Amino acid sequence: MSRHCFIGIDQGSSSTKAVAVSAAGQVLFQTRKDLPPPYRDDQRIEQDPRRILESVQEALEECLRAIAGSGIPVLGIGLSCQRSSWVPA
C-alpha cells in the first residue's frame, strides 16, 4: 500500500488552519495561524486581504516543512473558505 497524505486548509474569519492527514486518516501535523480581528466601518466588516493570503501561505509552508522529512508524499491539497468577499481593484 502506498504511503501518502493530503493537506486540508480551512481559511476562516479568525484564523487559517492546515492539517496533514495520512491516507489512513491519521493526523500527521496541524497548525493554526491567527488573524487580527476584523475592523468595522459603519455596516461593513473588513479584513486585510494580503494578511489572509499570508496566513494561508504560512500555514501551508509550515505543514509542508513538518512532513518533508517523513518521506510521505503529498497527493493533494484542499482549501475550504466560507465567506462572500470581494477585493476592490
PDB file of N, CA and C in Angstrom:
ATOM      1  N   MET A   1       0.835  -1.179   0.000  1.00  0.00           N
ATOM      2  CA  MET A   1       0.000   0.000   0.000  1.00  0.00           C
ATOM      3  C   MET A   1       0.884   1.248   0.000  1.00  0.00           C
ATOM      4  N   SER A   2       0.543   2.177  -0.830  1.00  0.00           N
ATOM      5  CA  SER A   2       1.316   3.410  -0.958  1.00  0.00           C
ATOM      6  C   SER A   2       1.069   4.337   0.228  1.00  0.00           C
ATOM      7  N   ARG A   3       2.134   4.863   0.781  1.00  0.00           N
ATOM      8  CA  ARG A   3       2.007   5.851   1.855  1.00  0.00           C
ATOM      9  C   ARG A   3       1.959   7.233   1.236  1.00  0.00           C
ATOM     10  N   HIS A   4       0.933   7.949   1.543  1.00  0.00           N
ATOM     11  CA  HIS A   4       0.820   9.321   1.075  1.00  0.00           C
ATOM     12  C   HIS A   4      -0.081  10.089   2.037  1.00  0.00           C
ATOM     13  N   CYS A   5      -0.170  11.394   1.833  1.00  0.00           N
ATOM     14  CA  CYS A   5      -1.020  12.208   2.690  1.00  0.00           C
ATOM     15  C   CYS A   5      -1.686  13.306   1.885  1.00  0.00           C
ATOM     16  N   PHE A   6      -2.618  13.934   2.522  1.00  0.00           N
ATOM     17  CA  PHE A   6      -3.348  15.055   1.955  1.00  0.00           C
ATOM     18  C   PHE A   6      -3.258  16.210   2.942  1.00  0.00           C
ATOM     19  N   ILE A   7      -3.329  17.431   2.435  1.00  0.00           N
ATOM     20  CA  ILE A   7      -3.328  18.603   3.294  1.00  0.00           C
ATOM     21  C   ILE A   7      -4.646  19.335   3.084  1.00  0.00           C
ATOM     22  N   GLY A   8      -5.292  19.643   4.195  1.00  0.00           N
ATOM     23  CA  GLY A   8      -6.513  20.439   4.158  1.00  0.00           C
ATOM     24  C   GLY A   8      -6.254  21.791   4.788  1.00  0.00           C
ATOM     25  N   ILE A   9      -6.765  22.827   4.149  1.00  0.00           N
ATOM     26  CA  ILE A   9      -6.614  24.193   4.653  1.00  0.00           C
ATOM     27  C   ILE A   9      -8.013  24.767   4.852  1.00  0.00           C
ATOM     28  N   ASP A  10      -8.257  25.308   6.048  1.00  0.00           N
ATOM     29  CA  ASP A  10      -9.528  25.954   6.353  1.00  0.00           C
ATOM     30  C   ASP A  10      -9.247  27.415   6.644  1.00  0.00           C
ATOM     31  N   GLN A  11      -9.679  28.280   5.760  1.00  0.00           N
ATOM     32  CA  GLN A  11      -9.450  29.704   5.932  1.00  0.00           C
ATOM     33  C   GLN A  11     -10.738  30.314   6.490  1.00  0.00           C
ATOM     34  N   GLY A  12     -10.702  30.758   7.737  1.00  0.00           N
ATOM     35  CA  GLY A  12     -11.873  31.328   8.388  1.00  0.00           C
ATOM     36  C   GLY A  12     -11.691  32.796   8.716  1.00  0.00           C
ATOM     37  N   SER A  13     -12.661  33.366   9.388  1.00  0.00           N
ATOM     38  CA  SER A  13     -12.607  34.799   9.677  1.00  0.00           C
ATOM     39  C   SER A  13     -11.622  35.143  10.792  1.00  0.00           C
ATOM     40  N   SER A  14     -11.318  34.192  11.674  1.00  0.00           N
ATOM     41  CA  SER A  14     -10.401  34.493  12.770  1.00  0.00           C
ATOM     42  C   SER A  14      -9.049  33.786  12.660  1.00  0.00           C
ATOM     43  N   SER A  15      -8.951  32.785  11.776  1.00  0.00           N
ATOM     44  CA  SER A  15      -7.681  32.070  11.642  1.00  0.00           C
ATOM     45  C   SER A  15      -7.671  31.236  10.367  1.00  0.00           C
ATOM     46  N   THR A  16      -6.471  30.777  10.034  1.00  0.00           N
ATOM     47  CA  THR A  16      -6.281  29.810   8.962  1.00  0.00           C
ATOM     48  C   THR A  16      -5.683  28.571   9.600  1.00  0.00           C
ATOM     49  N   LYS A  17      -6.270  27.424   9.318  1.00  0.00           N
ATOM     50  CA  LYS A  17      -5.778  26.161   9.876  1.00  0.00           C
ATOM     51  C   LYS A  17      -5.352  25.249   8.730  1.00  0.00           C
ATOM     52  N   ALA A  18      -4.302  24.472   8.957  1.00  0.00           N
ATOM     53  CA  ALA A  18      -3.852  23.479   7.985  1.00  0.00           C
ATOM     54  C   ALA A  18      -3.604  22.174   8.723  1.00  0.00           C
ATOM     55  N   VAL A  19      -3.950  21.074   8.077  1.00  0.00           N
ATOM     56  CA  VAL A  19      -3.747  19.751   8.672  1.00  0.00           C
ATOM     57  C   VAL A  19      -3.280  18.787   7.586  1.00  0.00           C
ATOM     58  N   ALA A  20      -2.258  17.997   7.914  1.00  0.00           N
ATOM     59  CA  ALA A  20      -1.798  16.923   7.029  1.00  0.00           C
ATOM     60  C   ALA A  20      -2.364  15.628   7.583  1.00  0.00           C
ATOM     61  N   VAL A  21      -3.046  14.882   6.718  1.00  0.00           N
ATOM     62  CA  VAL A  21      -3.708  13.646   7.127  1.00  0.00           C
ATOM     63  C   VAL A  21      -3.204  12.510   6.238  1.00  0.00           C
ATOM     64  N   SER A  22      -2.857  11.385   6.870  1.00  0.00           N
ATOM     65  CA  SER A  22      -2.396  10.225   6.103  1.00  0.00           C
ATOM     66  C   SER A  22      -3.566   9.599   5.367  1.00  0.00           C
ATOM     67  N   ALA A  23      -3.262   8.712   4.425  1.00  0.00           N
ATOM     68  CA  ALA A  23      -4.308   8.008   3.686  1.00  0.00           C
ATOM     69  C   ALA A  23      -5.181   7.172   4.616  1.00  0.00           C
ATOM     70  N   ALA A  24      -4.639   6.780   5.765  1.00  0.00           N
ATOM     71  CA  ALA A  24      -5.389   6.000   6.748  1.00  0.00           C
ATOM     72  C   ALA A  24      -6.207   6.889   7.688  1.00  0.00           C
ATOM     73  N   GLY A  25      -6.104   8.215   7.541  1.00  0.00           N
ATOM     74  CA  GLY A  25      -6.874   9.132   8.366  1.00  0.00           C
ATOM     75  C   GLY A  25      -6.161   9.630   9.606  1.00  0.00           C
ATOM     76  N   GLN A  26      -4.898   9.307   9.752  1.00  0.00           N
ATOM     77  CA  GLN A  26      -4.125   9.749  10.919  1.00  0.00           C
ATOM     78  C   GLN A  26      -3.634  11.187  10.705  1.00  0.00           C
ATOM     79  N   VAL A  27      -3.838  12.042  11.704  1.00  0.00           N
ATOM     80  CA  VAL A  27      -3.341  13.408  11.627  1.00  0.00           C
ATOM     81  C   VAL A  27      -1.831  13.376  11.827  1.00  0.00           C
ATOM     82  N   LEU A  28      -1.113  13.840  10.828  1.00  0.00           N
ATOM     83  CA  LEU A  28       0.347  13.855  10.884  1.00  0.00           C
ATOM     84  C   LEU A  28       0.871  15.167  11.439  1.00  0.00           C
ATOM     85  N   PHE A  29       0.180  16.256  11.148  1.00  0.00           N
ATOM     86  CA  PHE A  29       0.590  17.581  11.617  1.00  0.00           C
ATOM     87  C   PHE A  29      -0.579  18.532  11.450  1.00  0.00           C
ATOM     88  N   GLN A  30      -0.665  19.496  12.361  1.00  0.00           N
ATOM     89  CA  GLN A  30      -1.667  20.549  12.194  1.00  0.00           C
ATOM     90  C   GLN A  30      -1.132  21.850  12.760  1.00  0.00           C
ATOM     91  N   THR A  31      -1.600  22.947  12.201  1.00  0.00           N
ATOM     92  CA  THR A  31      -1.160  24.268  12.633  1.00  0.00           C
ATOM     93  C   THR A  31      -2.313  25.253  12.495  1.00  0.00           C
ATOM     94  N   ARG A  32      -2.172  26.364  13.191  1.00  0.00           N
ATOM     95  CA  ARG A  32      -3.191  27.422  13.144  1.00  0.00           C
ATOM     96  C   ARG A  32      -2.472  28.761  13.129  1.00  0.00           C
ATOM     97  N   LYS A  33      -2.901  29.629  12.236  1.00  0.00           N
ATOM     98  CA  LYS A  33      -2.366  30.981  12.137  1.00  0.00           C
ATOM     99  C   LYS A  33      -3.502  31.963  12.405  1.00  0.00           C
ATOM    100  N   ASP A  34      -3.443  32.629  13.553  1.00  0.00           N
ATOM    101  CA  ASP A  34      -4.498  33.573  13.914  1.00  0.00           C
ATOM    102  C   ASP A  34      -4.432  34.825  13.047  1.00  0.00           C
ATOM    103  N   LEU A  35      -5.601  35.373  12.773  1.00  0.00           N
ATOM    104  CA  LEU A  35      -5.704  36.628  12.032  1.00  0.00           C
ATOM    105  C   LEU A  35      -6.111  37.727  13.007  1.00  0.00           C
ATOM    106  N   PRO A  36      -5.675  38.965  12.728  1.00  0.00           N
ATOM    107  CA  PRO A  36      -6.127  40.055  13.592  1.00  0.00           C
ATOM    108  C   PRO A  36      -7.640  40.218  13.456  1.00  0.00           C
ATOM    109  N   PRO A  37      -8.290  40.709  14.500  1.00  0.00           N
ATOM    110  CA  PRO A  37      -9.742  40.889  14.403  1.00  0.00           C
ATOM    111  C   PRO A  37     -10.091  41.831  13.256  1.00  0.00           C
ATOM    112  N   PRO A  38     -11.201  41.559  12.580  1.00  0.00           N
ATOM    113  CA  PRO A  38     -11.608  42.465  11.501  1.00  0.00           C
ATOM    114  C   PRO A  38     -11.992  43.823  12.074  1.00  0.00           C
ATOM    115  N   TYR A  39     -11.842  44.847  11.270  1.00  0.00           N
ATOM    116  CA  TYR A  39     -12.273  46.160  11.738  1.00  0.00           C
ATOM    117  C   TYR A  39     -13.601  46.510  11.075  1.00  0.00           C
ATOM    118  N   ARG A  40     -14.357  47.316  11.755  1.00  0.00           N
ATOM    119  CA  ARG A  40     -15.713  47.644  11.311  1.00  0.00           C
ATOM    120  C   ARG A  40     -15.787  49.121  10.934  1.00  0.00           C
ATOM    121  N   ASP A  41     -16.512  49.369   9.868  1.00  0.00           N
ATOM    122  CA  ASP A  41     -16.751  50.730   9.408  1.00  0.00           C
ATOM    123  C   ASP A  41     -18.220  50.799   8.992  1.00  0.00           C
ATOM    124  N   ASP A  42     -19.032  51.470   9.776  1.00  0.00           N
ATOM    125  CA  ASP A  42     -20.484  51.510   9.556  1.00  0.00           C
ATOM    126  C   ASP A  42     -21.052  50.094   9.598  1.00  0.00           C
ATOM    127  N   GLN A  43     -21.537  49.602   8.484  1.00  0.00           N
ATOM    128  CA  GLN A  43     -22.172  48.287   8.408  1.00  0.00           C
ATOM    129  C   GLN A  43     -21.232  47.213   7.853  1.00  0.00           C
ATOM    130  N   ARG A  44     -19.989  47.552   7.607  1.00  0.00           N
ATOM    131  CA  ARG A  44     -19.064  46.607   6.971  1.00  0.00           C
ATOM    132  C   ARG A  44     -18.096  46.007   7.979  1.00  0.00           C
ATOM    133  N   ILE A  45     -17.660  44.818   7.667  1.00  0.00           N
ATOM    134  CA  ILE A  45     -16.572  44.174   8.393  1.00  0.00           C
ATOM    135  C   ILE A  45     -15.457  43.977   7.377  1.00  0.00           C
ATOM    136  N   GLU A  46     -14.277  44.448   7.679  1.00  0.00           N
ATOM    137  CA  GLU A  46     -13.190  44.391   6.706  1.00  0.00           C
ATOM    138  C   GLU A  46     -11.968  43.698   7.295  1.00  0.00           C
ATOM    139  N   GLN A  47     -11.277  42.971   6.420  1.00  0.00           N
ATOM    140  CA  GLN A  47     -10.000  42.365   6.765  1.00  0.00           C
ATOM    141  C   GLN A  47      -9.016  42.686   5.663  1.00  0.00           C
ATOM    142  N   ASP A  48      -7.759  42.617   5.993  1.00  0.00           N
ATOM    143  CA  ASP A  48      -6.702  42.884   5.027  1.00  0.00           C
ATOM    144  C   ASP A  48      -6.513  41.634   4.164  1.00  0.00           C
ATOM    145  N   PRO A  49      -6.835  41.695   2.860  1.00  0.00           N
ATOM    146  CA  PRO A  49      -6.712  40.504   2.016  1.00  0.00           C
ATOM    147  C   PRO A  49      -5.284  39.980   1.911  1.00  0.00           C
ATOM    148  N   ARG A  50      -4.297  40.861   2.019  1.00  0.00           N
ATOM    149  CA  ARG A  50      -2.900  40.395   1.982  1.00  0.00           C
ATOM    150  C   ARG A  50      -2.582  39.557   3.206  1.00  0.00           C
ATOM    151  N   ARG A  51      -3.127  39.964   4.360  1.00  0.00           N
ATOM    152  CA  ARG A  51      -2.876  39.190   5.587  1.00  0.00           C
ATOM    153  C   ARG A  51      -3.550  37.835   5.524  1.00  0.00           C
ATOM    154  N   ILE A  52      -4.732  37.765   4.920  1.00  0.00           N
ATOM    155  CA  ILE A  52      -5.410  36.476   4.742  1.00  0.00           C
ATOM    156  C   ILE A  52      -4.547  35.566   3.878  1.00  0.00           C
ATOM    157  N   LEU A  53      -4.071  36.072   2.739  1.00  0.00           N
ATOM    158  CA  LEU A  53      -3.222  35.277   1.849  1.00  0.00           C
ATOM    159  C   LEU A  53      -1.941  34.853   2.558  1.00  0.00           C
ATOM    160  N   GLU A  54      -1.324  35.764   3.296  1.00  0.00           N
ATOM    161  CA  GLU A  54      -0.100  35.418   4.043  1.00  0.00           C
ATOM    162  C   GLU A  54      -0.361  34.299   5.043  1.00  0.00           C
ATOM    163  N   SER A  55      -1.502  34.336   5.719  1.00  0.00           N
ATOM    164  CA  SER A  55      -1.790  33.302   6.717  1.00  0.00           C
ATOM    165  C   SER A  55      -1.970  31.935   6.060  1.00  0.00           C
ATOM    166  N   VAL A  56      -2.557  31.910   4.866  1.00  0.00           N
ATOM    167  CA  VAL A  56      -2.704  30.646   4.130  1.00  0.00           C
ATOM    168  C   VAL A  56      -1.324  30.131   3.724  1.00  0.00           C
ATOM    169  N   GLN A  57      -0.492  31.016   3.195  1.00  0.00           N
ATOM    170  CA  GLN A  57       0.858  30.619   2.784  1.00  0.00           C
ATOM    171  C   GLN A  57       1.672  30.124   3.974  1.00  0.00           C
ATOM    172  N   GLU A  58       1.603  30.832   5.096  1.00  0.00           N
ATOM    173  CA  GLU A  58       2.352  30.436   6.293  1.00  0.00           C
ATOM    174  C   GLU A  58       1.908  29.073   6.807  1.00  0.00           C
ATOM    175  N   ALA A  59       0.610  28.854   6.874  1.00  0.00           N
ATOM    176  CA  ALA A  59       0.092  27.577   7.379  1.00  0.00           C
ATOM    177  C   ALA A  59       0.496  26.426   6.456  1.00  0.00           C
ATOM    178  N   LEU A  60       0.374  26.636   5.144  1.00  0.00           N
ATOM    179  CA  LEU A  60       0.737  25.587   4.193  1.00  0.00           C
ATOM    180  C   LEU A  60       2.231  25.294   4.252  1.00  0.00           C
ATOM    181  N   GLU A  61       3.053  26.331   4.263  1.00  0.00           N
ATOM    182  CA  GLU A  61       4.507  26.125   4.297  1.00  0.00           C
ATOM    183  C   GLU A  61       4.938  25.409   5.579  1.00  0.00           C
ATOM    184  N   GLU A  62       4.338  25.774   6.713  1.00  0.00           N
ATOM    185  CA  GLU A  62       4.678  25.120   7.977  1.00  0.00           C
ATOM    186  C   GLU A  62       4.301  23.637   7.936  1.00  0.00           C
ATOM    187  N   CYS A  63       3.142  23.349   7.381  1.00  0.00           N
ATOM    188  CA  CYS A  63       2.677  21.967   7.260  1.00  0.00           C
ATOM    189  C   CYS A  63       3.610  21.169   6.335  1.00  0.00           C
ATOM    190  N   LEU A  64       3.969  21.748   5.205  1.00  0.00           N
ATOM    191  CA  LEU A  64       4.864  21.059   4.271  1.00  0.00           C
ATOM    192  C   LEU A  64       6.238  20.808   4.887  1.00  0.00           C
ATOM    193  N   ARG A  65       6.769  21.794   5.619  1.00  0.00           N
ATOM    194  CA  ARG A  65       8.066  21.612   6.285  1.00  0.00           C
ATOM    195  C   ARG A  65       8.002  20.496   7.325  1.00  0.00           C
ATOM    196  N   ALA A  66       6.894  20.427   8.039  1.00  0.00           N
ATOM    197  CA  ALA A  66       6.760  19.442   9.113  1.00  0.00           C
ATOM    198  C   ALA A  66       6.749  18.013   8.589  1.00  0.00           C
ATOM    199  N   ILE A  67       6.169  17.807   7.420  1.00  0.00           N
ATOM    200  CA  ILE A  67       6.093  16.438   6.892  1.00  0.00           C
ATOM    201  C   ILE A  67       7.192  16.130   5.877  1.00  0.00           C
ATOM    202  N   ALA A  68       8.000  17.130   5.519  1.00  0.00           N
ATOM    203  CA  ALA A  68       9.024  16.938   4.490  1.00  0.00           C
ATOM    204  C   ALA A  68       9.999  15.821   4.842  1.00  0.00           C
ATOM    205  N   GLY A  69      10.408  15.727   6.089  1.00  0.00           N
ATOM    206  CA  GLY A  69      11.382  14.719   6.488  1.00  0.00           C
ATOM    207  C   GLY A  69      10.816  13.321   6.615  1.00  0.00           C
ATOM    208  N   SER A  70       9.508  13.177   6.545  1.00  0.00           N
ATOM    209  CA  SER A  70       8.890  11.864   6.738  1.00  0.00           C
ATOM    210  C   SER A  70       8.973  10.984   5.496  1.00  0.00           C
ATOM    211  N   GLY A  71       9.222  11.599   4.343  1.00  0.00           N
ATOM    212  CA  GLY A  71       9.245  10.831   3.103  1.00  0.00           C
ATOM    213  C   GLY A  71       7.858  10.487   2.587  1.00  0.00           C
ATOM    214  N   ILE A  72       6.836  11.017   3.209  1.00  0.00           N
ATOM    215  CA  ILE A  72       5.459  10.755   2.773  1.00  0.00           C
ATOM    216  C   ILE A  72       5.066  11.831   1.764  1.00  0.00           C
ATOM    217  N   PRO A  73       4.762  11.450   0.524  1.00  0.00           N
ATOM    218  CA  PRO A  73       4.404  12.453  -0.475  1.00  0.00           C
ATOM    219  C   PRO A  73       2.997  13.011  -0.256  1.00  0.00           C
ATOM    220  N   VAL A  74       2.830  14.253  -0.644  1.00  0.00           N
ATOM    221  CA  VAL A  74       1.524  14.909  -0.593  1.00  0.00           C
ATOM    222  C   VAL A  74       0.837  14.685  -1.936  1.00  0.00           C
ATOM    223  N   LEU A  75      -0.340  14.067  -1.899  1.00  0.00           N
ATOM    224  CA  LEU A  75      -1.076  13.799  -3.134  1.00  0.00           C
ATOM    225  C   LEU A  75      -2.075  14.878  -3.489  1.00  0.00           C
ATOM    226  N   GLY A  76      -2.485  15.655  -2.509  1.00  0.00           N
ATOM    227  CA  GLY A  76      -3.469  16.684  -2.816  1.00  0.00           C
ATOM    228  C   GLY A  76      -3.580  17.693  -1.690  1.00  0.00           C
ATOM    229  N   ILE A  77      -4.047  18.878  -2.065  1.00  0.00           N
ATOM    230  CA  ILE A  77      -4.276  19.950  -1.111  1.00  0.00           C
ATOM    231  C   ILE A  77      -5.667  20.497  -1.365  1.00  0.00           C
ATOM    232  N   GLY A  78      -6.458  20.597  -0.305  1.00  0.00           N
ATOM    233  CA  GLY A  78      -7.811  21.138  -0.429  1.00  0.00           C
ATOM    234  C   GLY A  78      -7.932  22.422   0.369  1.00  0.00           C
ATOM    235  N   LEU A  79      -8.782  23.326  -0.110  1.00  0.00           N
ATOM    236  CA  LEU A  79      -8.985  24.614   0.542  1.00  0.00           C
ATOM    237  C   LEU A  79     -10.461  24.819   0.805  1.00  0.00           C
ATOM    238  N   SER A  80     -10.781  25.179   2.037  1.00  0.00           N
ATOM    239  CA  SER A  80     -12.153  25.492   2.422  1.00  0.00           C
ATOM    240  C   SER A  80     -12.187  26.944   2.865  1.00  0.00           C
ATOM    241  N   CYS A  81     -13.149  27.694   2.353  1.00  0.00           N
ATOM    242  CA  CYS A  81     -13.283  29.099   2.710  1.00  0.00           C
ATOM    243  C   CYS A  81     -14.762  29.452   2.659  1.00  0.00           C
ATOM    244  N   GLN A  82     -15.302  29.885   3.783  1.00  0.00           N
ATOM    245  CA  GLN A  82     -16.724  30.215   3.807  1.00  0.00           C
ATOM    246  C   GLN A  82     -16.877  31.710   4.028  1.00  0.00           C
ATOM    247  N   ARG A  83     -17.084  32.425   2.959  1.00  0.00           N
ATOM    248  CA  ARG A  83     -17.367  33.847   3.034  1.00  0.00           C
ATOM    249  C   ARG A  83     -17.710  34.351   1.641  1.00  0.00           C
ATOM    250  N   SER A  84     -18.408  35.419   1.613  1.00  0.00           N
ATOM    251  CA  SER A  84     -18.591  36.100   0.330  1.00  0.00           C
ATOM    252  C   SER A  84     -17.826  37.405   0.445  1.00  0.00           C
ATOM    253  N   SER A  85     -16.827  37.520  -0.363  1.00  0.00           N
ATOM    254  CA  SER A  85     -15.899  38.641  -0.253  1.00  0.00           C
ATOM    255  C   SER A  85     -15.581  39.203  -1.621  1.00  0.00           C
ATOM    256  N   TRP A  86     -15.076  40.369  -1.616  1.00  0.00           N
ATOM    257  CA  TRP A  86     -14.546  40.958  -2.838  1.00  0.00           C
ATOM    258  C   TRP A  86     -13.402  41.874  -2.455  1.00  0.00           C
ATOM    259  N   VAL A  87     -12.497  42.032  -3.367  1.00  0.00           N
ATOM    260  CA  VAL A  87     -11.355  42.907  -3.165  1.00  0.00           C
ATOM    261  C   VAL A  87     -11.435  43.981  -4.233  1.00  0.00           C
ATOM    262  N   PRO A  88     -11.575  45.238  -3.831  1.00  0.00           N
ATOM    263  CA  PRO A  88     -11.681  46.304  -4.836  1.00  0.00           C
ATOM    264  C   PRO A  88     -10.374  46.452  -5.595  1.00  0.00           C
ATOM    265  N   ALA A  89     -10.495  46.802  -6.840  1.00  0.00           N
ATOM    266  CA  ALA A  89      -9.310  46.997  -7.703  1.00  0.00           C
ATOM    267  C   ALA A  89      -8.656  48.325  -7.442  1.00  0.00           C
TER     268      ALA A  89
END
